[in-house]
Amino acid sequence: MSSRVEWQWRDRPSGPAYRQRVQVHDDPAEPVSANPADPTGPVEAAWARLAGHCVACLACRTVEDYDHRANATCDEAEELYRAWRQARRASAPEGSPEA
């Protein structure tokens, strides 16, 4: 296993982002997908299905003019959201907030 120090961007709840030096550990035993659209686990796969649906679905993309919130409900999106939440709960360590 090798490590290196690099700069990474960090977000703040408010205000501009900033850069922070971090130590990155490279683990050659862990496979890294060359294609970011190719999920490697059940949580990522569930999220990819939800995101793909919401981008393509007309009901999910329809928003109100005054507050830019969704004005239609989509049963399929709600089911995909529940599946994603279930996958997150199943993969969360015991005692974590997601569990």
PDB file of N, CA and C in Angstrom:
ATOM      1  N   MET A   1       0.862  -1.169   0.000  1.00  0.00           N
ATOM      2  CA  MET A   1       0.000   0.000   0.000  1.00  0.00           C
ATOM      3  C   MET A   1       0.902   1.224   0.000  1.00  0.00           C
ATOM      4  N   SER A   2       0.588   2.172  -0.843  1.00  0.00           N
ATOM      5  CA  SER A   2       1.353   3.410  -0.894  1.00  0.00           C
ATOM      6  C   SER A   2       0.479   4.570  -0.454  1.00  0.00           C
ATOM      7  N   SER A   3       1.106   5.653  -0.102  1.00  0.00           N
ATOM      8  CA  SER A   3       0.350   6.841   0.293  1.00  0.00           C
ATOM      9  C   SER A   3       1.031   8.064  -0.293  1.00  0.00           C
ATOM     10  N   ARG A   4       0.261   9.116  -0.395  1.00  0.00           N
ATOM     11  CA  ARG A   4       0.785  10.376  -0.910  1.00  0.00           C
ATOM     12  C   ARG A   4      -0.004  11.515  -0.275  1.00  0.00           C
ATOM     13  N   VAL A   5       0.546  12.702  -0.325  1.00  0.00           N
ATOM     14  CA  VAL A   5      -0.142  13.885   0.186  1.00  0.00           C
ATOM     15  C   VAL A   5      -0.579  14.707  -1.016  1.00  0.00           C
ATOM     16  N   GLU A   6      -1.845  15.117  -1.002  1.00  0.00           N
ATOM     17  CA  GLU A   6      -2.355  15.940  -2.103  1.00  0.00           C
ATOM     18  C   GLU A   6      -3.353  16.951  -1.566  1.00  0.00           C
ATOM     19  N   TRP A   7      -3.681  17.930  -2.390  1.00  0.00           N
ATOM     20  CA  TRP A   7      -4.680  18.935  -2.038  1.00  0.00           C
ATOM     21  C   TRP A   7      -6.030  18.479  -2.552  1.00  0.00           C
ATOM     22  N   GLN A   8      -7.073  18.591  -1.726  1.00  0.00           N
ATOM     23  CA  GLN A   8      -8.429  18.264  -2.144  1.00  0.00           C
ATOM     24  C   GLN A   8      -9.353  19.410  -1.763  1.00  0.00           C
ATOM     25  N   TRP A   9     -10.393  19.602  -2.587  1.00  0.00           N
ATOM     26  CA  TRP A   9     -11.383  20.631  -2.305  1.00  0.00           C
ATOM     27  C   TRP A   9     -12.333  20.141  -1.227  1.00  0.00           C
ATOM     28  N   ARG A  10     -12.701  21.006  -0.319  1.00  0.00           N
ATOM     29  CA  ARG A  10     -13.663  20.711   0.741  1.00  0.00           C
ATOM     30  C   ARG A  10     -14.774  21.745   0.680  1.00  0.00           C
ATOM     31  N   ASP A  11     -16.006  21.298   0.897  1.00  0.00           N
ATOM     32  CA  ASP A  11     -17.162  22.196   0.920  1.00  0.00           C
ATOM     33  C   ASP A  11     -17.465  22.606   2.350  1.00  0.00           C
ATOM     34  N   ARG A  12     -18.061  23.761   2.485  1.00  0.00           N
ATOM     35  CA  ARG A  12     -18.522  24.256   3.777  1.00  0.00           C
ATOM     36  C   ARG A  12     -20.035  24.380   3.732  1.00  0.00           C
ATOM     37  N   PRO A  13     -20.695  24.328   4.891  1.00  0.00           N
ATOM     38  CA  PRO A  13     -22.149  24.528   4.887  1.00  0.00           C
ATOM     39  C   PRO A  13     -22.540  25.889   4.324  1.00  0.00           C
ATOM     40  N   SER A  14     -21.701  26.889   4.576  1.00  0.00           N
ATOM     41  CA  SER A  14     -21.922  28.203   3.985  1.00  0.00           C
ATOM     42  C   SER A  14     -20.564  28.806   3.699  1.00  0.00           C
ATOM     43  N   GLY A  15     -20.505  29.635   2.702  1.00  0.00           N
ATOM     44  CA  GLY A  15     -19.237  30.246   2.337  1.00  0.00           C
ATOM     45  C   GLY A  15     -18.558  29.469   1.226  1.00  0.00           C
ATOM     46  N   PRO A  16     -17.421  29.978   0.784  1.00  0.00           N
ATOM     47  CA  PRO A  16     -16.745  29.349  -0.351  1.00  0.00           C
ATOM     48  C   PRO A  16     -16.036  28.053   0.054  1.00  0.00           C
ATOM     49  N   ALA A  17     -15.802  27.213  -0.933  1.00  0.00           N
ATOM     50  CA  ALA A  17     -15.042  25.985  -0.698  1.00  0.00           C
ATOM     51  C   ALA A  17     -13.582  26.355  -0.439  1.00  0.00           C
ATOM     52  N   TYR A  18     -12.848  25.416   0.125  1.00  0.00           N
ATOM     53  CA  TYR A  18     -11.441  25.649   0.408  1.00  0.00           C
ATOM     54  C   TYR A  18     -10.655  24.380   0.088  1.00  0.00           C
ATOM     55  N   ARG A  19      -9.334  24.522  -0.006  1.00  0.00           N
ATOM     56  CA  ARG A  19      -8.475  23.375  -0.281  1.00  0.00           C
ATOM     57  C   ARG A  19      -7.777  22.946   1.001  1.00  0.00           C
ATOM     58  N   GLN A  20      -7.637  21.627   1.179  1.00  0.00           N
ATOM     59  CA  GLN A  20      -7.010  21.080   2.369  1.00  0.00           C
ATOM     60  C   GLN A  20      -6.035  19.987   1.944  1.00  0.00           C
ATOM     61  N   ARG A  21      -4.876  19.947   2.615  1.00  0.00           N
ATOM     62  CA  ARG A  21      -3.917  18.879   2.348  1.00  0.00           C
ATOM     63  C   ARG A  21      -4.378  17.624   3.066  1.00  0.00           C
ATOM     64  N   VAL A  22      -4.414  16.512   2.346  1.00  0.00           N
ATOM     65  CA  VAL A  22      -4.836  15.236   2.924  1.00  0.00           C
ATOM     66  C   VAL A  22      -3.851  14.152   2.506  1.00  0.00           C
ATOM     67  N   GLN A  23      -3.762  13.119   3.327  1.00  0.00           N
ATOM     68  CA  GLN A  23      -2.941  11.975   2.989  1.00  0.00           C
ATOM     69  C   GLN A  23      -3.849  10.915   2.384  1.00  0.00           C
ATOM     70  N   VAL A  24      -3.521  10.491   1.169  1.00  0.00           N
ATOM     71  CA  VAL A  24      -4.327   9.523   0.429  1.00  0.00           C
ATOM     72  C   VAL A  24      -3.583   8.196   0.422  1.00  0.00           C
ATOM     73  N   HIS A  25      -4.303   7.125   0.780  1.00  0.00           N
ATOM     74  CA  HIS A  25      -3.723   5.781   0.777  1.00  0.00           C
ATOM     75  C   HIS A  25      -4.265   5.013  -0.409  1.00  0.00           C
ATOM     76  N   ASP A  26      -3.369   4.472  -1.194  1.00  0.00           N
ATOM     77  CA  ASP A  26      -3.754   3.673  -2.353  1.00  0.00           C
ATOM     78  C   ASP A  26      -3.689   2.203  -1.973  1.00  0.00           C
ATOM     79  N   ASP A  27      -4.812   1.504  -2.119  1.00  0.00           N
ATOM     80  CA  ASP A  27      -4.877   0.088  -1.800  1.00  0.00           C
ATOM     81  C   ASP A  27      -5.007  -0.681  -3.109  1.00  0.00           C
ATOM     82  N   PRO A  28      -3.961  -1.365  -3.546  1.00  0.00           N
ATOM     83  CA  PRO A  28      -4.034  -2.057  -4.830  1.00  0.00           C
ATOM     84  C   PRO A  28      -4.997  -3.237  -4.825  1.00  0.00           C
ATOM     85  N   ALA A  29      -5.366  -3.751  -3.644  1.00  0.00           N
ATOM     86  CA  ALA A  29      -6.286  -4.879  -3.583  1.00  0.00           C
ATOM     87  C   ALA A  29      -7.727  -4.460  -3.869  1.00  0.00           C
ATOM     88  N   GLU A  30      -8.035  -3.183  -3.719  1.00  0.00           N
ATOM     89  CA  GLU A  30      -9.396  -2.698  -3.939  1.00  0.00           C
ATOM     90  C   GLU A  30      -9.566  -2.313  -5.400  1.00  0.00           C
ATOM     91  N   PRO A  31     -10.486  -2.960  -6.124  1.00  0.00           N
ATOM     92  CA  PRO A  31     -10.666  -2.618  -7.538  1.00  0.00           C
ATOM     93  C   PRO A  31     -11.293  -1.239  -7.689  1.00  0.00           C
ATOM     94  N   VAL A  32     -10.784  -0.492  -8.642  1.00  0.00           N
ATOM     95  CA  VAL A  32     -11.313   0.833  -8.929  1.00  0.00           C
ATOM     96  C   VAL A  32     -11.878   0.805 -10.329  1.00  0.00           C
ATOM     97  N   SER A  33     -13.113   1.194 -10.463  1.00  0.00           N
ATOM     98  CA  SER A  33     -13.765   1.188 -11.758  1.00  0.00           C
ATOM     99  C   SER A  33     -13.254   2.350 -12.600  1.00  0.00           C
ATOM    100  N   ALA A  34     -12.891   2.077 -13.834  1.00  0.00           N
ATOM    101  CA  ALA A  34     -12.434   3.133 -14.731  1.00  0.00           C
ATOM    102  C   ALA A  34     -13.595   3.987 -15.200  1.00  0.00           C
ATOM    103  N   ASN A  35     -14.798   3.435 -15.148  1.00  0.00           N
ATOM    104  CA  ASN A  35     -15.986   4.143 -15.592  1.00  0.00           C
ATOM    105  C   ASN A  35     -16.790   4.574 -14.371  1.00  0.00           C
ATOM    106  N   PRO A  36     -16.884   5.896 -14.075  1.00  0.00           N
ATOM    107  CA  PRO A  36     -17.629   6.313 -12.895  1.00  0.00           C
ATOM    108  C   PRO A  36     -19.114   5.978 -12.961  1.00  0.00           C
ATOM    109  N   ALA A  37     -19.649   5.740 -14.146  1.00  0.00           N
ATOM    110  CA  ALA A  37     -21.059   5.381 -14.261  1.00  0.00           C
ATOM    111  C   ALA A  37     -21.283   3.905 -13.943  1.00  0.00           C
ATOM    112  N   ASP A  38     -20.207   3.149 -13.762  1.00  0.00           N
ATOM    113  CA  ASP A  38     -20.309   1.734 -13.442  1.00  0.00           C
ATOM    114  C   ASP A  38     -20.234   1.563 -11.933  1.00  0.00           C
ATOM    115  N   PRO A  39     -21.364   1.390 -11.252  1.00  0.00           N
ATOM    116  CA  PRO A  39     -21.338   1.288  -9.800  1.00  0.00           C
ATOM    117  C   PRO A  39     -20.680  -0.007  -9.345  1.00  0.00           C
ATOM    118  N   THR A  40     -20.072   0.048  -8.176  1.00  0.00           N
ATOM    119  CA  THR A  40     -19.352  -1.112  -7.668  1.00  0.00           C
ATOM    120  C   THR A  40     -20.061  -1.787  -6.513  1.00  0.00           C
ATOM    121  N   GLY A  41     -21.132  -1.236  -6.003  1.00  0.00           N
ATOM    122  CA  GLY A  41     -21.815  -1.836  -4.873  1.00  0.00           C
ATOM    123  C   GLY A  41     -23.316  -1.637  -4.960  1.00  0.00           C
ATOM    124  N   PRO A  42     -24.065  -2.247  -4.035  1.00  0.00           N
ATOM    125  CA  PRO A  42     -25.523  -2.140  -4.097  1.00  0.00           C
ATOM    126  C   PRO A  42     -26.035  -0.732  -3.832  1.00  0.00           C
ATOM    127  N   VAL A  43     -25.354   0.024  -2.963  1.00  0.00           N
ATOM    128  CA  VAL A  43     -25.790   1.393  -2.678  1.00  0.00           C
ATOM    129  C   VAL A  43     -25.590   2.268  -3.916  1.00  0.00           C
ATOM    130  N   GLU A  44     -24.422   2.151  -4.540  1.00  0.00           N
ATOM    131  CA  GLU A  44     -24.134   2.940  -5.733  1.00  0.00           C
ATOM    132  C   GLU A  44     -25.048   2.545  -6.887  1.00  0.00           C
ATOM    133  N   ALA A  45     -25.345   1.246  -7.005  1.00  0.00           N
ATOM    134  CA  ALA A  45     -26.237   0.784  -8.076  1.00  0.00           C
ATOM    135  C   ALA A  45     -27.647   1.340  -7.886  1.00  0.00           C
ATOM    136  N   ALA A  46     -28.132   1.328  -6.644  1.00  0.00           N
ATOM    137  CA  ALA A  46     -29.469   1.865  -6.360  1.00  0.00           C
ATOM    138  C   ALA A  46     -29.514   3.361  -6.649  1.00  0.00           C
ATOM    139  N   TRP A  47     -28.447   4.080  -6.271  1.00  0.00           N
ATOM    140  CA  TRP A  47     -28.400   5.525  -6.531  1.00  0.00           C
ATOM    141  C   TRP A  47     -28.365   5.793  -8.033  1.00  0.00           C
ATOM    142  N   ALA A  48     -27.609   5.005  -8.781  1.00  0.00           N
ATOM    143  CA  ALA A  48     -27.530   5.196 -10.230  1.00  0.00           C
ATOM    144  C   ALA A  48     -28.885   4.972 -10.887  1.00  0.00           C
ATOM    145  N   ARG A  49     -29.640   3.965 -10.417  1.00  0.00           N
ATOM    146  CA  ARG A  49     -30.987   3.735 -10.968  1.00  0.00           C
ATOM    147  C   ARG A  49     -31.904   4.913 -10.660  1.00  0.00           C
ATOM    148  N   LEU A  50     -31.860   5.433  -9.426  1.00  0.00           N
ATOM    149  CA  LEU A  50     -32.699   6.574  -9.046  1.00  0.00           C
ATOM    150  C   LEU A  50     -32.333   7.814  -9.857  1.00  0.00           C
ATOM    151  N   ALA A  51     -31.043   8.109  -9.946  1.00  0.00           N
ATOM    152  CA  ALA A  51     -30.607   9.296 -10.684  1.00  0.00           C
ATOM    153  C   ALA A  51     -30.956   9.189 -12.166  1.00  0.00           C
ATOM    154  N   GLY A  52     -30.740   8.020 -12.744  1.00  0.00           N
ATOM    155  CA  GLY A  52     -31.067   7.825 -14.155  1.00  0.00           C
ATOM    156  C   GLY A  52     -32.548   8.006 -14.430  1.00  0.00           C
ATOM    157  N   HIS A  53     -33.384   7.511 -13.523  1.00  0.00           N
ATOM    158  CA  HIS A  53     -34.826   7.681 -13.697  1.00  0.00           C
ATOM    159  C   HIS A  53     -35.210   9.147 -13.611  1.00  0.00           C
ATOM    160  N   CYS A  54     -34.712   9.838 -12.583  1.00  0.00           N
ATOM    161  CA  CYS A  54     -35.121  11.233 -12.362  1.00  0.00           C
ATOM    162  C   CYS A  54     -34.696  12.152 -13.497  1.00  0.00           C
ATOM    163  N   VAL A  55     -33.602  11.840 -14.152  1.00  0.00           N
ATOM    164  CA  VAL A  55     -33.146  12.655 -15.280  1.00  0.00           C
ATOM    165  C   VAL A  55     -34.037  12.432 -16.499  1.00  0.00           C
ATOM    166  N   ALA A  56     -34.520  11.203 -16.666  1.00  0.00           N
ATOM    167  CA  ALA A  56     -35.297  10.880 -17.858  1.00  0.00           C
ATOM    168  C   ALA A  56     -36.798  11.090 -17.690  1.00  0.00           C
ATOM    169  N   CYS A  57     -37.307  11.096 -16.470  1.00  0.00           N
ATOM    170  CA  CYS A  57     -38.747  11.145 -16.220  1.00  0.00           C
ATOM    171  C   CYS A  57     -39.280  12.587 -16.290  1.00  0.00           C
ATOM    172  N   LEU A  58     -40.306  12.798 -17.085  1.00  0.00           N
ATOM    173  CA  LEU A  58     -40.891  14.132 -17.221  1.00  0.00           C
ATOM    174  C   LEU A  58     -41.515  14.604 -15.919  1.00  0.00           C
ATOM    175  N   ALA A  59     -42.186  13.720 -15.196  1.00  0.00           N
ATOM    176  CA  ALA A  59     -42.811  14.108 -13.929  1.00  0.00           C
ATOM    177  C   ALA A  59     -41.761  14.525 -12.904  1.00  0.00           C
ATOM    178  N   CYS A  60     -40.627  13.827 -12.873  1.00  0.00           N
ATOM    179  CA  CYS A  60     -39.573  14.169 -11.913  1.00  0.00           C
ATOM    180  C   CYS A  60     -38.885  15.491 -12.262  1.00  0.00           C
ATOM    181  N   ARG A  61     -38.860  15.832 -13.543  1.00  0.00           N
ATOM    182  CA  ARG A  61     -38.188  17.070 -13.962  1.00  0.00           C
ATOM    183  C   ARG A  61     -39.101  18.278 -13.948  1.00  0.00           C
ATOM    184  N   THR A  62     -40.400  18.104 -13.758  1.00  0.00           N
ATOM    185  CA  THR A  62     -41.338  19.219 -13.756  1.00  0.00           C
ATOM    186  C   THR A  62     -41.286  19.922 -12.408  1.00  0.00           C
ATOM    187  N   VAL A  63     -41.080  21.244 -12.439  1.00  0.00           N
ATOM    188  CA  VAL A  63     -40.964  22.019 -11.197  1.00  0.00           C
ATOM    189  C   VAL A  63     -41.876  23.230 -11.246  1.00  0.00           C
ATOM    190  N   GLU A  64     -42.206  23.758 -10.067  1.00  0.00           N
ATOM    191  CA  GLU A  64     -43.003  24.978  -9.966  1.00  0.00           C
ATOM    192  C   GLU A  64     -42.126  26.173 -10.332  1.00  0.00           C
ATOM    193  N   ASP A  65     -42.725  27.185 -10.948  1.00  0.00           N
ATOM    194  CA  ASP A  65     -41.978  28.374 -11.338  1.00  0.00           C
ATOM    195  C   ASP A  65     -41.549  29.211 -10.144  1.00  0.00           C
ATOM    196  N   TYR A  66     -42.357  29.258  -9.096  1.00  0.00           N
ATOM    197  CA  TYR A  66     -42.076  30.176  -8.001  1.00  0.00           C
ATOM    198  C   TYR A  66     -41.082  29.629  -6.983  1.00  0.00           C
ATOM    199  N   ASP A  67     -41.003  28.326  -6.760  1.00  0.00           N
ATOM    200  CA  ASP A  67     -40.067  27.826  -5.746  1.00  0.00           C
ATOM    201  C   ASP A  67     -39.134  26.723  -6.262  1.00  0.00           C
ATOM    202  N   HIS A  68     -39.284  26.371  -7.525  1.00  0.00           N
ATOM    203  CA  HIS A  68     -38.434  25.372  -8.182  1.00  0.00           C
ATOM    204  C   HIS A  68     -38.451  24.019  -7.486  1.00  0.00           C
ATOM    205  N   ARG A  69     -39.555  23.667  -6.856  1.00  0.00           N
ATOM    206  CA  ARG A  69     -39.725  22.339  -6.260  1.00  0.00           C
ATOM    207  C   ARG A  69     -40.590  21.490  -7.185  1.00  0.00           C
ATOM    208  N   ALA A  70     -40.442  20.192  -7.063  1.00  0.00           N
ATOM    209  CA  ALA A  70     -41.216  19.289  -7.909  1.00  0.00           C
ATOM    210  C   ALA A  70     -42.705  19.477  -7.654  1.00  0.00           C
ATOM    211  N   ASN A  71     -43.479  19.521  -8.717  1.00  0.00           N
ATOM    212  CA  ASN A  71     -44.914  19.704  -8.547  1.00  0.00           C
ATOM    213  C   ASN A  71     -45.702  18.452  -8.898  1.00  0.00           C
ATOM    214  N   ALA A  72     -45.017  17.373  -9.209  1.00  0.00           N
ATOM    215  CA  ALA A  72     -45.691  16.123  -9.528  1.00  0.00           C
ATOM    216  C   ALA A  72     -45.051  14.999  -8.725  1.00  0.00           C
ATOM    217  N   THR A  73     -45.837  14.008  -8.422  1.00  0.00           N
ATOM    218  CA  THR A  73     -45.283  12.849  -7.730  1.00  0.00           C
ATOM    219  C   THR A  73     -45.107  11.723  -8.729  1.00  0.00           C
ATOM    220  N   CYS A  74     -44.067  10.959  -8.538  1.00  0.00           N
ATOM    221  CA  CYS A  74     -43.768   9.847  -9.431  1.00  0.00           C
ATOM    222  C   CYS A  74     -43.617   8.606  -8.566  1.00  0.00           C
ATOM    223  N   ASP A  75     -44.505   7.648  -8.758  1.00  0.00           N
ATOM    224  CA  ASP A  75     -44.481   6.427  -7.954  1.00  0.00           C
ATOM    225  C   ASP A  75     -43.190   5.638  -8.153  1.00  0.00           C
ATOM    226  N   GLU A  76     -42.692   5.619  -9.373  1.00  0.00           N
ATOM    227  CA  GLU A  76     -41.461   4.877  -9.640  1.00  0.00           C
ATOM    228  C   GLU A  76     -40.272   5.510  -8.922  1.00  0.00           C
ATOM    229  N   ALA A  77     -40.204   6.848  -8.918  1.00  0.00           N
ATOM    230  CA  ALA A  77     -39.114   7.526  -8.220  1.00  0.00           C
ATOM    231  C   ALA A  77     -39.192   7.278  -6.719  1.00  0.00           C
ATOM    232  N   GLU A  78     -40.385   7.270  -6.177  1.00  0.00           N
ATOM    233  CA  GLU A  78     -40.536   7.003  -4.744  1.00  0.00           C
ATOM    234  C   GLU A  78     -40.083   5.588  -4.411  1.00  0.00           C
ATOM    235  N   GLU A  79     -40.400   4.620  -5.266  1.00  0.00           N
ATOM    236  CA  GLU A  79     -39.973   3.240  -5.039  1.00  0.00           C
ATOM    237  C   GLU A  79     -38.454   3.098  -5.160  1.00  0.00           C
ATOM    238  N   LEU A  80     -37.850   3.771  -6.144  1.00  0.00           N
ATOM    239  CA  LEU A  80     -36.398   3.733  -6.291  1.00  0.00           C
ATOM    240  C   LEU A  80     -35.704   4.421  -5.117  1.00  0.00           C
ATOM    241  N   TYR A  81     -36.306   5.489  -4.601  1.00  0.00           N
ATOM    242  CA  TYR A  81     -35.760   6.169  -3.435  1.00  0.00           C
ATOM    243  C   TYR A  81     -35.795   5.249  -2.212  1.00  0.00           C
ATOM    244  N   ARG A  82     -36.915   4.543  -2.031  1.00  0.00           N
ATOM    245  CA  ARG A  82     -37.010   3.596  -0.907  1.00  0.00           C
ATOM    246  C   ARG A  82     -35.966   2.486  -1.041  1.00  0.00           C
ATOM    247  N   ALA A  83     -35.746   1.994  -2.248  1.00  0.00           N
ATOM    248  CA  ALA A  83     -34.746   0.944  -2.477  1.00  0.00           C
ATOM    249  C   ALA A  83     -33.346   1.453  -2.161  1.00  0.00           C
ATOM    250  N   TRP A  84     -33.050   2.695  -2.539  1.00  0.00           N
ATOM    251  CA  TRP A  84     -31.743   3.280  -2.228  1.00  0.00           C
ATOM    252  C   TRP A  84     -31.556   3.429  -0.723  1.00  0.00           C
ATOM    253  N   ARG A  85     -32.589   3.923  -0.026  1.00  0.00           N
ATOM    254  CA  ARG A  85     -32.509   4.063   1.436  1.00  0.00           C
ATOM    255  C   ARG A  85     -32.311   2.696   2.100  1.00  0.00           C
ATOM    256  N   GLN A  86     -33.012   1.679   1.616  1.00  0.00           N
ATOM    257  CA  GLN A  86     -32.878   0.338   2.167  1.00  0.00           C
ATOM    258  C   GLN A  86     -31.457  -0.190   1.955  1.00  0.00           C
ATOM    259  N   ALA A  87     -30.892   0.046   0.780  1.00  0.00           N
ATOM    260  CA  ALA A  87     -29.522  -0.400   0.503  1.00  0.00           C
ATOM    261  C   ALA A  87     -28.535   0.313   1.423  1.00  0.00           C
ATOM    262  N   ARG A  88     -28.749   1.612   1.665  1.00  0.00           N
ATOM    263  CA  ARG A  88     -27.864   2.355   2.584  1.00  0.00           C
ATOM    264  C   ARG A  88     -27.953   1.790   3.988  1.00  0.00           C
ATOM    265  N   ARG A  89     -29.178   1.506   4.446  1.00  0.00           N
ATOM    266  CA  ARG A  89     -29.352   0.962   5.800  1.00  0.00           C
ATOM    267  C   ARG A  89     -28.698  -0.407   5.925  1.00  0.00           C
ATOM    268  N   ALA A  90     -28.834  -1.240   4.891  1.00  0.00           N
ATOM    269  CA  ALA A  90     -28.272  -2.587   4.944  1.00  0.00           C
ATOM    270  C   ALA A  90     -26.750  -2.572   4.970  1.00  0.00           C
ATOM    271  N   SER A  91     -26.136  -1.580   4.334  1.00  0.00           N
ATOM    272  CA  SER A  91     -24.675  -1.544   4.277  1.00  0.00           C
ATOM    273  C   SER A  91     -24.056  -0.703   5.379  1.00  0.00           C
ATOM    274  N   ALA A  92     -24.866  -0.013   6.163  1.00  0.00           N
ATOM    275  CA  ALA A  92     -24.343   0.856   7.234  1.00  0.00           C
ATOM    276  C   ALA A  92     -23.855   0.011   8.401  1.00  0.00           C
ATOM    277  N   PRO A  93     -22.758   0.448   9.040  1.00  0.00           N
ATOM    278  CA  PRO A  93     -22.292  -0.267  10.214  1.00  0.00           C
ATOM    279  C   PRO A  93     -23.286  -0.154  11.369  1.00  0.00           C
ATOM    280  N   GLU A  94     -23.299  -1.146  12.234  1.00  0.00           N
ATOM    281  CA  GLU A  94     -24.220  -1.174  13.365  1.00  0.00           C
ATOM    282  C   GLU A  94     -23.980   0.036  14.277  1.00  0.00           C
ATOM    283  N   GLY A  95     -25.033   0.718  14.658  1.00  0.00           N
ATOM    284  CA  GLY A  95     -24.930   1.872  15.558  1.00  0.00           C
ATOM    285  C   GLY A  95     -24.739   3.201  14.858  1.00  0.00           C
ATOM    286  N   SER A  96     -24.618   3.203  13.526  1.00  0.00           N
ATOM    287  CA  SER A  96     -24.471   4.459  12.800  1.00  0.00           C
ATOM    288  C   SER A  96     -25.836   5.109  12.620  1.00  0.00           C
ATOM    289  N   PRO A  97     -25.895   6.404  12.313  1.00  0.00           N
ATOM    290  CA  PRO A  97     -27.181   7.080  12.125  1.00  0.00           C
ATOM    291  C   PRO A  97     -28.009   6.493  10.981  1.00  0.00           C
ATOM    292  N   GLU A  98     -27.357   5.950   9.948  1.00  0.00           N
ATOM    293  CA  GLU A  98     -28.086   5.397   8.819  1.00  0.00           C
ATOM    294  C   GLU A  98     -28.729   4.061   9.139  1.00  0.00           C
ATOM    295  N   ALA A  99     -28.184   3.331  10.122  1.00  0.00           N
ATOM    296  CA  ALA A  99     -28.677   1.976  10.442  1.00  0.00           C
ATOM    297  C   ALA A  99     -30.046   2.008  11.072  1.00  0.00           C
TER     298      ALA A  99
END
